[in-house]
Amino acid sequence: MSGAVLNRWQPNSIGSVLLPLLLISALSTAVAFQSGIVRLGDGAGMPSPQTITIAPGSFQYRKPGEFYRAGYAVDGPKADYEMTAPLTIMKYQVSTFDYDGCVADGACPARESATPSRSDMPVTGVSHDDATMFARWFSKKSGGIWRLPSDVELAFAAGQKFPDDALGIDPDNRNPALRWLADYEREAARKRSKEPAPLAYGSFGENEYGLADFAGNIWEWTTTCNRRVDLVRQGQEVTTEACGVYITAGKHRSPLSSFIRDPKSGGCSVGVPPDHVGFRLVEDRRWYAPLLFSIGAL
């Protein structure tokens, strides 16, 4: 009988001891990383990237996704959004040279682009999955914790250069011809602004925060899943997320499947596809970021 009681209570008994120990270990690890006592790597051969840091603040942000009301496509709502912590993000997109270093280490698949391997040339021909693998490799090499930005983080960093995809049509107007015409004019304007090939750092200038080359001819991966949102009465939303299809942002937003390396080949892109797709990373300085990284949540 005593054995039966022991078997019944052993999991709870062990759990009551292990859970506090695991929490203490996680907290200790996080503190050690934040204090610099412990690093993910020695950073040998991996110089720190140029970054910008933007102070907390509020800004207007139009939610990403496909929005519908009564079966008609409408513009996503725009609202004030508050960033409560500083945001540190790479000034330039990840370079072909750095990405090729990840490939040489066997941690990333080869890119599908013919641009030369240079420290001032943005990488293209990479999927969301490739970018995520690079972020983990780069974190281990540099000693920091780096990840792809969310759409809202990229919008905050892009400032006045972030696109507003609104068509500007009255959401209560149910005339489909007006929306079709507005959408046609927008897509035609996007076609006229194309550039043929990736260009070196600095080719598209900087925004008010010093972020370089955003909204040039390279769209950037984010961690934000595409979604369909049905707007119903009293401001309620019915949302269906498609994780595996992620928002990319540049001259306009475009959802792409996570495995797509060449956006012009398709892959759930809405409207005119991006010219090229690459990425830049944010440095995650949350105190618990090391724990998230260790369990693969980043």
C-alpha atoms as a PDB file:
ATOM      1  CA  MET A   1       0.000   0.000   0.000  1.00  0.00           C
ATOM      2  CA  SER A   2       2.793   2.383   0.844  1.00  0.00           C
ATOM      3  CA  GLY A   3       4.237   1.726  -2.578  1.00  0.00           C
ATOM      4  CA  ALA A   4       0.917   2.585  -4.208  1.00  0.00           C
ATOM      5  CA  VAL A   5       0.691   5.828  -2.261  1.00  0.00           C
ATOM      6  CA  LEU A   6       4.258   6.697  -3.253  1.00  0.00           C
ATOM      7  CA  ASN A   7       3.521   6.114  -6.954  1.00  0.00           C
ATOM      8  CA  ARG A   8       0.380   8.232  -6.752  1.00  0.00           C
ATOM      9  CA  TRP A   9       2.056  11.174  -5.085  1.00  0.00           C
ATOM     10  CA  GLN A  10       5.523  10.954  -6.567  1.00  0.00           C
ATOM     11  CA  PRO A  11       4.828  13.113  -9.646  1.00  0.00           C
ATOM     12  CA  ASN A  12       3.314  15.872  -7.533  1.00  0.00           C
ATOM     13  CA  SER A  13       6.039  15.567  -4.945  1.00  0.00           C
ATOM     14  CA  ILE A  14       8.809  15.718  -7.521  1.00  0.00           C
ATOM     15  CA  GLY A  15       7.015  18.484  -9.409  1.00  0.00           C
ATOM     16  CA  SER A  16       6.692  20.567  -6.260  1.00  0.00           C
ATOM     17  CA  VAL A  17      10.458  20.415  -5.907  1.00  0.00           C
ATOM     18  CA  LEU A  18      11.500  20.623  -9.558  1.00  0.00           C
ATOM     19  CA  LEU A  19       9.207  23.490 -10.614  1.00  0.00           C
ATOM     20  CA  PRO A  20      10.749  26.045  -8.226  1.00  0.00           C
ATOM     21  CA  LEU A  21      14.209  24.791  -9.170  1.00  0.00           C
ATOM     22  CA  LEU A  22      13.447  25.169 -12.875  1.00  0.00           C
ATOM     23  CA  LEU A  23      12.093  28.678 -12.322  1.00  0.00           C
ATOM     24  CA  ILE A  24      15.139  29.642 -10.285  1.00  0.00           C
ATOM     25  CA  SER A  25      17.419  28.179 -12.949  1.00  0.00           C
ATOM     26  CA  ALA A  26      15.586  30.054 -15.712  1.00  0.00           C
ATOM     27  CA  LEU A  27      15.721  33.332 -13.803  1.00  0.00           C
ATOM     28  CA  SER A  28      19.390  32.843 -13.001  1.00  0.00           C
ATOM     29  CA  THR A  29      20.161  32.128 -16.657  1.00  0.00           C
ATOM     30  CA  ALA A  30      18.267  35.192 -17.814  1.00  0.00           C
ATOM     31  CA  VAL A  31      20.024  37.421 -15.289  1.00  0.00           C
ATOM     32  CA  ALA A  32      23.393  35.977 -16.264  1.00  0.00           C
ATOM     33  CA  PHE A  33      22.770  36.726 -19.929  1.00  0.00           C
ATOM     34  CA  GLN A  34      21.530  40.227 -19.244  1.00  0.00           C
ATOM     35  CA  SER A  35      24.485  41.039 -17.003  1.00  0.00           C
ATOM     36  CA  GLY A  36      26.969  39.766 -19.556  1.00  0.00           C
ATOM     37  CA  ILE A  37      28.307  37.047 -17.255  1.00  0.00           C
ATOM     38  CA  VAL A  38      27.148  34.407 -19.722  1.00  0.00           C
ATOM     39  CA  ARG A  39      27.058  34.848 -23.503  1.00  0.00           C
ATOM     40  CA  LEU A  40      25.657  32.629 -26.234  1.00  0.00           C
ATOM     41  CA  GLY A  41      28.947  32.765 -28.104  1.00  0.00           C
ATOM     42  CA  ASP A  42      32.307  34.481 -28.049  1.00  0.00           C
ATOM     43  CA  GLY A  43      31.503  36.646 -31.060  1.00  0.00           C
ATOM     44  CA  ALA A  44      34.763  35.643 -32.734  1.00  0.00           C
ATOM     45  CA  GLY A  45      34.753  36.724 -36.375  1.00  0.00           C
ATOM     46  CA  MET A  46      31.276  38.246 -36.020  1.00  0.00           C
ATOM     47  CA  PRO A  47      31.456  42.010 -35.489  1.00  0.00           C
ATOM     48  CA  SER A  48      28.413  43.706 -34.019  1.00  0.00           C
ATOM     49  CA  PRO A  49      26.064  45.012 -36.704  1.00  0.00           C
ATOM     50  CA  GLN A  50      25.211  48.663 -37.059  1.00  0.00           C
ATOM     51  CA  THR A  51      21.973  49.299 -35.206  1.00  0.00           C
ATOM     52  CA  ILE A  52      19.629  52.106 -34.312  1.00  0.00           C
ATOM     53  CA  THR A  53      17.680  52.353 -31.068  1.00  0.00           C
ATOM     54  CA  ILE A  54      14.313  54.083 -31.022  1.00  0.00           C
ATOM     55  CA  ALA A  55      12.910  55.406 -27.751  1.00  0.00           C
ATOM     56  CA  PRO A  56       9.455  54.268 -26.600  1.00  0.00           C
ATOM     57  CA  GLY A  57       6.559  56.219 -28.022  1.00  0.00           C
ATOM     58  CA  SER A  58       3.149  56.167 -29.645  1.00  0.00           C
ATOM     59  CA  PHE A  59       2.329  56.051 -33.341  1.00  0.00           C
ATOM     60  CA  GLN A  60      -0.583  55.344 -35.652  1.00  0.00           C
ATOM     61  CA  TYR A  61      -0.625  51.856 -37.093  1.00  0.00           C
ATOM     62  CA  ARG A  62      -2.973  50.204 -39.579  1.00  0.00           C
ATOM     63  CA  LYS A  63      -3.459  46.556 -38.704  1.00  0.00           C
ATOM     64  CA  PRO A  64      -2.209  44.023 -41.271  1.00  0.00           C
ATOM     65  CA  GLY A  65      -4.372  41.373 -42.870  1.00  0.00           C
ATOM     66  CA  GLU A  66      -7.437  41.062 -45.064  1.00  0.00           C
ATOM     67  CA  PHE A  67     -10.482  42.815 -43.600  1.00  0.00           C
ATOM     68  CA  TYR A  68     -14.104  42.283 -44.617  1.00  0.00           C
ATOM     69  CA  ARG A  69     -17.437  43.759 -43.623  1.00  0.00           C
ATOM     70  CA  ALA A  70     -20.655  42.111 -44.789  1.00  0.00           C
ATOM     71  CA  GLY A  71     -18.622  40.168 -47.332  1.00  0.00           C
ATOM     72  CA  TYR A  72     -16.955  43.257 -48.843  1.00  0.00           C
ATOM     73  CA  ALA A  73     -13.217  43.920 -48.574  1.00  0.00           C
ATOM     74  CA  VAL A  74     -12.501  47.042 -46.501  1.00  0.00           C
ATOM     75  CA  ASP A  75      -9.412  48.827 -45.205  1.00  0.00           C
ATOM     76  CA  GLY A  76      -7.960  47.563 -41.943  1.00  0.00           C
ATOM     77  CA  PRO A  77      -8.607  49.800 -38.932  1.00  0.00           C
ATOM     78  CA  LYS A  78      -6.009  52.350 -37.943  1.00  0.00           C
ATOM     79  CA  ALA A  79      -5.380  53.157 -34.290  1.00  0.00           C
ATOM     80  CA  ASP A  80      -2.808  54.570 -31.896  1.00  0.00           C
ATOM     81  CA  TYR A  81      -0.245  52.014 -30.779  1.00  0.00           C
ATOM     82  CA  GLU A  82       2.187  52.451 -27.885  1.00  0.00           C
ATOM     83  CA  MET A  83       5.690  50.977 -27.798  1.00  0.00           C
ATOM     84  CA  THR A  84       6.577  50.706 -24.127  1.00  0.00           C
ATOM     85  CA  ALA A  85      10.250  49.720 -24.477  1.00  0.00           C
ATOM     86  CA  PRO A  86      13.144  50.909 -26.674  1.00  0.00           C
ATOM     87  CA  LEU A  87      13.528  49.070 -29.977  1.00  0.00           C
ATOM     88  CA  THR A  88      17.011  48.132 -31.213  1.00  0.00           C
ATOM     89  CA  ILE A  89      17.056  47.068 -34.858  1.00  0.00           C
ATOM     90  CA  MET A  90      19.716  46.598 -37.538  1.00  0.00           C
ATOM     91  CA  LYS A  91      20.301  49.796 -39.479  1.00  0.00           C
ATOM     92  CA  TYR A  92      20.752  47.824 -42.695  1.00  0.00           C
ATOM     93  CA  GLN A  93      19.308  44.554 -43.906  1.00  0.00           C
ATOM     94  CA  VAL A  94      21.374  41.415 -43.300  1.00  0.00           C
ATOM     95  CA  SER A  95      24.153  41.223 -45.884  1.00  0.00           C
ATOM     96  CA  THR A  96      24.973  38.507 -48.392  1.00  0.00           C
ATOM     97  CA  PHE A  97      28.388  38.145 -46.716  1.00  0.00           C
ATOM     98  CA  ASP A  98      26.931  37.438 -43.273  1.00  0.00           C
ATOM     99  CA  TYR A  99      24.268  35.107 -44.625  1.00  0.00           C
ATOM    100  CA  ASP A 100      26.858  33.189 -46.628  1.00  0.00           C
ATOM    101  CA  GLY A 101      28.807  32.761 -43.391  1.00  0.00           C
ATOM    102  CA  CYS A 102      25.792  30.940 -41.971  1.00  0.00           C
ATOM    103  CA  VAL A 103      25.679  28.768 -45.099  1.00  0.00           C
ATOM    104  CA  ALA A 104      29.392  27.972 -44.759  1.00  0.00           C
ATOM    105  CA  ASP A 105      28.788  26.864 -41.174  1.00  0.00           C
ATOM    106  CA  GLY A 106      26.058  24.500 -42.338  1.00  0.00           C
ATOM    107  CA  ALA A 107      23.399  26.347 -40.329  1.00  0.00           C
ATOM    108  CA  CYS A 108      21.510  27.922 -43.259  1.00  0.00           C
ATOM    109  CA  PRO A 109      20.510  26.733 -46.726  1.00  0.00           C
ATOM    110  CA  ALA A 110      22.043  28.511 -49.706  1.00  0.00           C
ATOM    111  CA  ARG A 111      20.247  31.623 -50.887  1.00  0.00           C
ATOM    112  CA  GLU A 112      18.557  31.733 -54.268  1.00  0.00           C
ATOM    113  CA  SER A 113      20.134  34.916 -55.561  1.00  0.00           C
ATOM    114  CA  ALA A 114      23.144  35.711 -57.726  1.00  0.00           C
ATOM    115  CA  THR A 115      24.219  38.910 -55.953  1.00  0.00           C
ATOM    116  CA  PRO A 116      27.869  38.909 -54.845  1.00  0.00           C
ATOM    117  CA  SER A 117      28.894  38.022 -51.310  1.00  0.00           C
ATOM    118  CA  ARG A 118      29.642  41.476 -49.872  1.00  0.00           C
ATOM    119  CA  SER A 119      29.264  43.130 -46.513  1.00  0.00           C
ATOM    120  CA  ASP A 120      27.351  46.038 -48.084  1.00  0.00           C
ATOM    121  CA  MET A 121      24.953  44.026 -50.237  1.00  0.00           C
ATOM    122  CA  PRO A 122      21.563  43.000 -48.767  1.00  0.00           C
ATOM    123  CA  VAL A 123      20.753  39.328 -48.947  1.00  0.00           C
ATOM    124  CA  THR A 124      17.774  38.274 -51.063  1.00  0.00           C
ATOM    125  CA  GLY A 125      16.421  34.945 -52.233  1.00  0.00           C
ATOM    126  CA  VAL A 126      15.786  33.793 -48.652  1.00  0.00           C
ATOM    127  CA  SER A 127      12.622  32.437 -47.105  1.00  0.00           C
ATOM    128  CA  HIS A 128      11.104  33.121 -43.707  1.00  0.00           C
ATOM    129  CA  ASP A 129      12.435  29.746 -42.577  1.00  0.00           C
ATOM    130  CA  ASP A 130      15.936  30.673 -43.808  1.00  0.00           C
ATOM    131  CA  ALA A 131      15.800  34.015 -41.979  1.00  0.00           C
ATOM    132  CA  THR A 132      14.739  32.315 -38.746  1.00  0.00           C
ATOM    133  CA  MET A 133      17.654  29.873 -38.983  1.00  0.00           C
ATOM    134  CA  PHE A 134      20.040  32.746 -39.614  1.00  0.00           C
ATOM    135  CA  ALA A 135      18.750  34.606 -36.549  1.00  0.00           C
ATOM    136  CA  ARG A 136      19.533  31.628 -34.307  1.00  0.00           C
ATOM    137  CA  TRP A 137      22.973  31.172 -35.860  1.00  0.00           C
ATOM    138  CA  PHE A 138      23.731  34.884 -35.599  1.00  0.00           C
ATOM    139  CA  SER A 139      22.632  34.941 -31.961  1.00  0.00           C
ATOM    140  CA  LYS A 140      25.015  32.101 -31.109  1.00  0.00           C
ATOM    141  CA  LYS A 141      27.867  33.695 -33.041  1.00  0.00           C
ATOM    142  CA  SER A 142      27.437  37.245 -31.775  1.00  0.00           C
ATOM    143  CA  GLY A 143      26.488  36.495 -28.184  1.00  0.00           C
ATOM    144  CA  GLY A 144      23.296  38.546 -28.305  1.00  0.00           C
ATOM    145  CA  ILE A 145      19.731  37.450 -28.898  1.00  0.00           C
ATOM    146  CA  TRP A 146      18.404  38.407 -32.313  1.00  0.00           C
ATOM    147  CA  ARG A 147      15.110  37.663 -34.037  1.00  0.00           C
ATOM    148  CA  LEU A 148      12.889  38.821 -36.869  1.00  0.00           C
ATOM    149  CA  PRO A 149      10.726  41.857 -36.041  1.00  0.00           C
ATOM    150  CA  SER A 150       6.973  41.760 -35.850  1.00  0.00           C
ATOM    151  CA  ASP A 151       5.015  43.858 -38.318  1.00  0.00           C
ATOM    152  CA  VAL A 152       4.280  46.458 -35.653  1.00  0.00           C
ATOM    153  CA  GLU A 153       7.960  46.663 -34.656  1.00  0.00           C
ATOM    154  CA  LEU A 154       9.008  47.126 -38.270  1.00  0.00           C
ATOM    155  CA  ALA A 155       6.301  49.753 -38.736  1.00  0.00           C
ATOM    156  CA  PHE A 156       7.550  51.638 -35.673  1.00  0.00           C
ATOM    157  CA  ALA A 157      11.154  51.532 -36.896  1.00  0.00           C
ATOM    158  CA  ALA A 158      10.211  52.485 -40.461  1.00  0.00           C
ATOM    159  CA  GLY A 159       8.395  55.594 -39.275  1.00  0.00           C
ATOM    160  CA  GLN A 160       7.193  57.798 -42.115  1.00  0.00           C
ATOM    161  CA  LYS A 161       8.452  55.295 -44.702  1.00  0.00           C
ATOM    162  CA  PHE A 162       6.045  52.582 -43.630  1.00  0.00           C
ATOM    163  CA  PRO A 163       3.293  52.129 -46.245  1.00  0.00           C
ATOM    164  CA  ASP A 164      -0.387  52.768 -45.674  1.00  0.00           C
ATOM    165  CA  ASP A 165      -2.207  50.278 -47.873  1.00  0.00           C
ATOM    166  CA  ALA A 166      -5.633  51.850 -47.417  1.00  0.00           C
ATOM    167  CA  LEU A 167      -7.710  52.387 -50.552  1.00  0.00           C
ATOM    168  CA  GLY A 168      -9.621  55.225 -48.907  1.00  0.00           C
ATOM    169  CA  ILE A 169     -13.080  54.003 -49.868  1.00  0.00           C
ATOM    170  CA  ASP A 170     -16.078  54.475 -47.600  1.00  0.00           C
ATOM    171  CA  PRO A 171     -16.484  51.078 -45.880  1.00  0.00           C
ATOM    172  CA  ASP A 172     -20.269  51.463 -46.027  1.00  0.00           C
ATOM    173  CA  ASN A 173     -20.213  51.854 -49.806  1.00  0.00           C
ATOM    174  CA  ARG A 174     -21.125  48.506 -51.364  1.00  0.00           C
ATOM    175  CA  ASN A 175     -20.363  49.442 -54.954  1.00  0.00           C
ATOM    176  CA  PRO A 176     -17.715  46.857 -55.991  1.00  0.00           C
ATOM    177  CA  ALA A 177     -16.737  48.918 -59.031  1.00  0.00           C
ATOM    178  CA  LEU A 178     -15.297  51.691 -56.834  1.00  0.00           C
ATOM    179  CA  ARG A 179     -13.104  49.263 -54.941  1.00  0.00           C
ATOM    180  CA  TRP A 180     -12.036  47.477 -58.110  1.00  0.00           C
ATOM    181  CA  LEU A 181     -11.014  50.781 -59.721  1.00  0.00           C
ATOM    182  CA  ALA A 182      -9.130  51.964 -56.623  1.00  0.00           C
ATOM    183  CA  ASP A 183      -7.342  48.643 -56.349  1.00  0.00           C
ATOM    184  CA  TYR A 184      -6.443  48.709 -60.049  1.00  0.00           C
ATOM    185  CA  GLU A 185      -4.981  52.210 -59.788  1.00  0.00           C
ATOM    186  CA  ARG A 186      -2.949  51.238 -56.737  1.00  0.00           C
ATOM    187  CA  GLU A 187      -1.517  48.120 -58.359  1.00  0.00           C
ATOM    188  CA  ALA A 188      -0.690  50.041 -61.545  1.00  0.00           C
ATOM    189  CA  ALA A 189       1.216  52.628 -59.508  1.00  0.00           C
ATOM    190  CA  ARG A 190       3.171  49.870 -57.768  1.00  0.00           C
ATOM    191  CA  LYS A 191       4.268  48.419 -61.108  1.00  0.00           C
ATOM    192  CA  ARG A 192       5.681  51.778 -62.210  1.00  0.00           C
ATOM    193  CA  SER A 193       7.961  51.962 -59.164  1.00  0.00           C
ATOM    194  CA  LYS A 194       9.898  48.705 -59.660  1.00  0.00           C
ATOM    195  CA  GLU A 195      13.704  48.476 -59.576  1.00  0.00           C
ATOM    196  CA  PRO A 196      15.383  45.592 -61.409  1.00  0.00           C
ATOM    197  CA  ALA A 197      18.028  44.352 -58.966  1.00  0.00           C
ATOM    198  CA  PRO A 198      19.168  44.590 -55.330  1.00  0.00           C
ATOM    199  CA  LEU A 199      21.413  47.575 -54.675  1.00  0.00           C
ATOM    200  CA  ALA A 200      24.157  48.209 -52.118  1.00  0.00           C
ATOM    201  CA  TYR A 201      23.550  49.676 -48.666  1.00  0.00           C
ATOM    202  CA  GLY A 202      22.503  53.314 -48.658  1.00  0.00           C
ATOM    203  CA  SER A 203      20.893  53.292 -52.110  1.00  0.00           C
ATOM    204  CA  PHE A 204      17.455  54.216 -50.757  1.00  0.00           C
ATOM    205  CA  GLY A 205      18.386  56.668 -48.014  1.00  0.00           C
ATOM    206  CA  GLU A 206      17.411  56.776 -44.340  1.00  0.00           C
ATOM    207  CA  ASN A 207      14.260  57.628 -42.445  1.00  0.00           C
ATOM    208  CA  GLU A 208      13.880  60.022 -39.533  1.00  0.00           C
ATOM    209  CA  TYR A 209      15.341  57.454 -37.103  1.00  0.00           C
ATOM    210  CA  GLY A 210      18.330  56.504 -39.251  1.00  0.00           C
ATOM    211  CA  LEU A 211      16.865  53.217 -40.521  1.00  0.00           C
ATOM    212  CA  ALA A 212      18.395  52.648 -43.951  1.00  0.00           C
ATOM    213  CA  ASP A 213      16.894  51.389 -47.193  1.00  0.00           C
ATOM    214  CA  PHE A 214      13.428  50.490 -45.970  1.00  0.00           C
ATOM    215  CA  ALA A 215      10.792  50.562 -48.752  1.00  0.00           C
ATOM    216  CA  GLY A 216      13.445  50.365 -51.449  1.00  0.00           C
ATOM    217  CA  ASN A 217      13.194  47.336 -53.706  1.00  0.00           C
ATOM    218  CA  ILE A 218      13.553  44.720 -50.945  1.00  0.00           C
ATOM    219  CA  TRP A 219      10.604  43.649 -48.819  1.00  0.00           C
ATOM    220  CA  GLU A 220      11.385  42.379 -45.316  1.00  0.00           C
ATOM    221  CA  TRP A 221      10.146  39.331 -43.448  1.00  0.00           C
ATOM    222  CA  THR A 222       8.283  39.728 -40.154  1.00  0.00           C
ATOM    223  CA  THR A 223       6.972  37.272 -37.558  1.00  0.00           C
ATOM    224  CA  THR A 224       3.386  38.433 -38.062  1.00  0.00           C
ATOM    225  CA  CYS A 225       1.006  35.834 -39.488  1.00  0.00           C
ATOM    226  CA  ASN A 226      -1.395  36.818 -42.212  1.00  0.00           C
ATOM    227  CA  ARG A 227      -5.039  36.788 -41.173  1.00  0.00           C
ATOM    228  CA  ARG A 228      -8.563  37.325 -42.393  1.00  0.00           C
ATOM    229  CA  VAL A 229     -10.669  39.550 -40.166  1.00  0.00           C
ATOM    230  CA  ASP A 230     -14.448  39.841 -40.453  1.00  0.00           C
ATOM    231  CA  LEU A 231     -15.691  43.041 -38.871  1.00  0.00           C
ATOM    232  CA  VAL A 232     -19.079  42.534 -37.281  1.00  0.00           C
ATOM    233  CA  ARG A 233     -21.371  44.731 -35.237  1.00  0.00           C
ATOM    234  CA  GLN A 234     -20.228  46.856 -32.268  1.00  0.00           C
ATOM    235  CA  GLY A 235     -16.587  46.715 -33.271  1.00  0.00           C
ATOM    236  CA  GLN A 236     -16.238  42.972 -32.802  1.00  0.00           C
ATOM    237  CA  GLU A 237     -13.796  41.022 -34.960  1.00  0.00           C
ATOM    238  CA  VAL A 238     -13.814  37.399 -36.075  1.00  0.00           C
ATOM    239  CA  THR A 239     -10.213  36.484 -36.937  1.00  0.00           C
ATOM    240  CA  THR A 240      -8.791  33.520 -38.841  1.00  0.00           C
ATOM    241  CA  GLU A 241      -4.973  33.382 -38.764  1.00  0.00           C
ATOM    242  CA  ALA A 242      -2.826  31.688 -41.392  1.00  0.00           C
ATOM    243  CA  CYS A 243       0.466  31.068 -39.622  1.00  0.00           C
ATOM    244  CA  GLY A 244       2.820  29.731 -42.241  1.00  0.00           C
ATOM    245  CA  VAL A 245       1.941  32.773 -44.355  1.00  0.00           C
ATOM    246  CA  TYR A 246       3.791  35.818 -43.021  1.00  0.00           C
ATOM    247  CA  ILE A 247       3.573  39.539 -43.645  1.00  0.00           C
ATOM    248  CA  THR A 248       6.441  41.101 -45.560  1.00  0.00           C
ATOM    249  CA  ALA A 249       6.721  44.879 -45.725  1.00  0.00           C
ATOM    250  CA  GLY A 250       8.393  47.297 -48.094  1.00  0.00           C
ATOM    251  CA  LYS A 251       6.745  49.687 -50.535  1.00  0.00           C
ATOM    252  CA  HIS A 252       3.564  47.875 -49.556  1.00  0.00           C
ATOM    253  CA  ARG A 253       2.653  44.890 -47.395  1.00  0.00           C
ATOM    254  CA  SER A 254       2.499  41.466 -48.973  1.00  0.00           C
ATOM    255  CA  PRO A 255       1.731  38.098 -47.360  1.00  0.00           C
ATOM    256  CA  LEU A 256       4.077  35.299 -48.427  1.00  0.00           C
ATOM    257  CA  SER A 257       4.320  31.620 -47.586  1.00  0.00           C
ATOM    258  CA  SER A 258       7.183  30.870 -45.211  1.00  0.00           C
ATOM    259  CA  PHE A 259       9.098  28.786 -47.770  1.00  0.00           C
ATOM    260  CA  ILE A 260       9.041  31.358 -50.612  1.00  0.00           C
ATOM    261  CA  ARG A 261      12.462  32.706 -51.637  1.00  0.00           C
ATOM    262  CA  ASP A 262      11.482  34.413 -54.878  1.00  0.00           C
ATOM    263  CA  PRO A 263       8.248  36.380 -54.319  1.00  0.00           C
ATOM    264  CA  LYS A 264       7.667  36.791 -58.037  1.00  0.00           C
ATOM    265  CA  SER A 265       7.106  33.030 -58.237  1.00  0.00           C
ATOM    266  CA  GLY A 266       3.876  33.316 -56.201  1.00  0.00           C
ATOM    267  CA  GLY A 267       3.266  31.890 -52.753  1.00  0.00           C
ATOM    268  CA  CYS A 268       0.108  33.666 -51.513  1.00  0.00           C
ATOM    269  CA  SER A 269       1.278  37.158 -52.441  1.00  0.00           C
ATOM    270  CA  VAL A 270      -1.675  39.538 -52.789  1.00  0.00           C
ATOM    271  CA  GLY A 271      -1.570  41.998 -55.684  1.00  0.00           C
ATOM    272  CA  VAL A 272       1.752  42.972 -57.261  1.00  0.00           C
ATOM    273  CA  PRO A 273       4.431  40.721 -55.729  1.00  0.00           C
ATOM    274  CA  PRO A 274       7.539  42.175 -54.094  1.00  0.00           C
ATOM    275  CA  ASP A 275      10.647  42.613 -56.232  1.00  0.00           C
ATOM    276  CA  HIS A 276      12.879  40.841 -53.721  1.00  0.00           C
ATOM    277  CA  VAL A 277      12.612  39.631 -50.143  1.00  0.00           C
ATOM    278  CA  GLY A 278      15.257  39.877 -47.417  1.00  0.00           C
ATOM    279  CA  PHE A 279      15.286  40.749 -43.732  1.00  0.00           C
ATOM    280  CA  ARG A 280      16.838  42.608 -40.829  1.00  0.00           C
ATOM    281  CA  LEU A 281      16.832  41.596 -37.163  1.00  0.00           C
ATOM    282  CA  VAL A 282      15.943  43.201 -33.862  1.00  0.00           C
ATOM    283  CA  GLU A 283      17.962  42.624 -30.710  1.00  0.00           C
ATOM    284  CA  ASP A 284      15.731  41.152 -28.032  1.00  0.00           C
ATOM    285  CA  ARG A 285      16.704  42.715 -24.713  1.00  0.00           C
ATOM    286  CA  ARG A 286      13.825  41.444 -22.618  1.00  0.00           C
ATOM    287  CA  TRP A 287      15.139  39.909 -19.417  1.00  0.00           C
ATOM    288  CA  TYR A 288      13.499  36.567 -20.206  1.00  0.00           C
ATOM    289  CA  ALA A 289      14.614  36.458 -23.861  1.00  0.00           C
ATOM    290  CA  PRO A 290      17.444  33.965 -23.090  1.00  0.00           C
ATOM    291  CA  LEU A 291      14.899  31.530 -21.702  1.00  0.00           C
ATOM    292  CA  LEU A 292      12.682  31.886 -24.797  1.00  0.00           C
ATOM    293  CA  PHE A 293      15.742  31.352 -26.996  1.00  0.00           C
ATOM    294  CA  SER A 294      16.816  28.248 -25.074  1.00  0.00           C
ATOM    295  CA  ILE A 295      13.437  26.551 -25.564  1.00  0.00           C
ATOM    296  CA  GLY A 296      13.234  27.521 -29.240  1.00  0.00           C
ATOM    297  CA  ALA A 297      10.470  30.096 -28.809  1.00  0.00           C
ATOM    298  CA  LEU A 298      12.534  32.750 -30.621  1.00  0.00           C
END
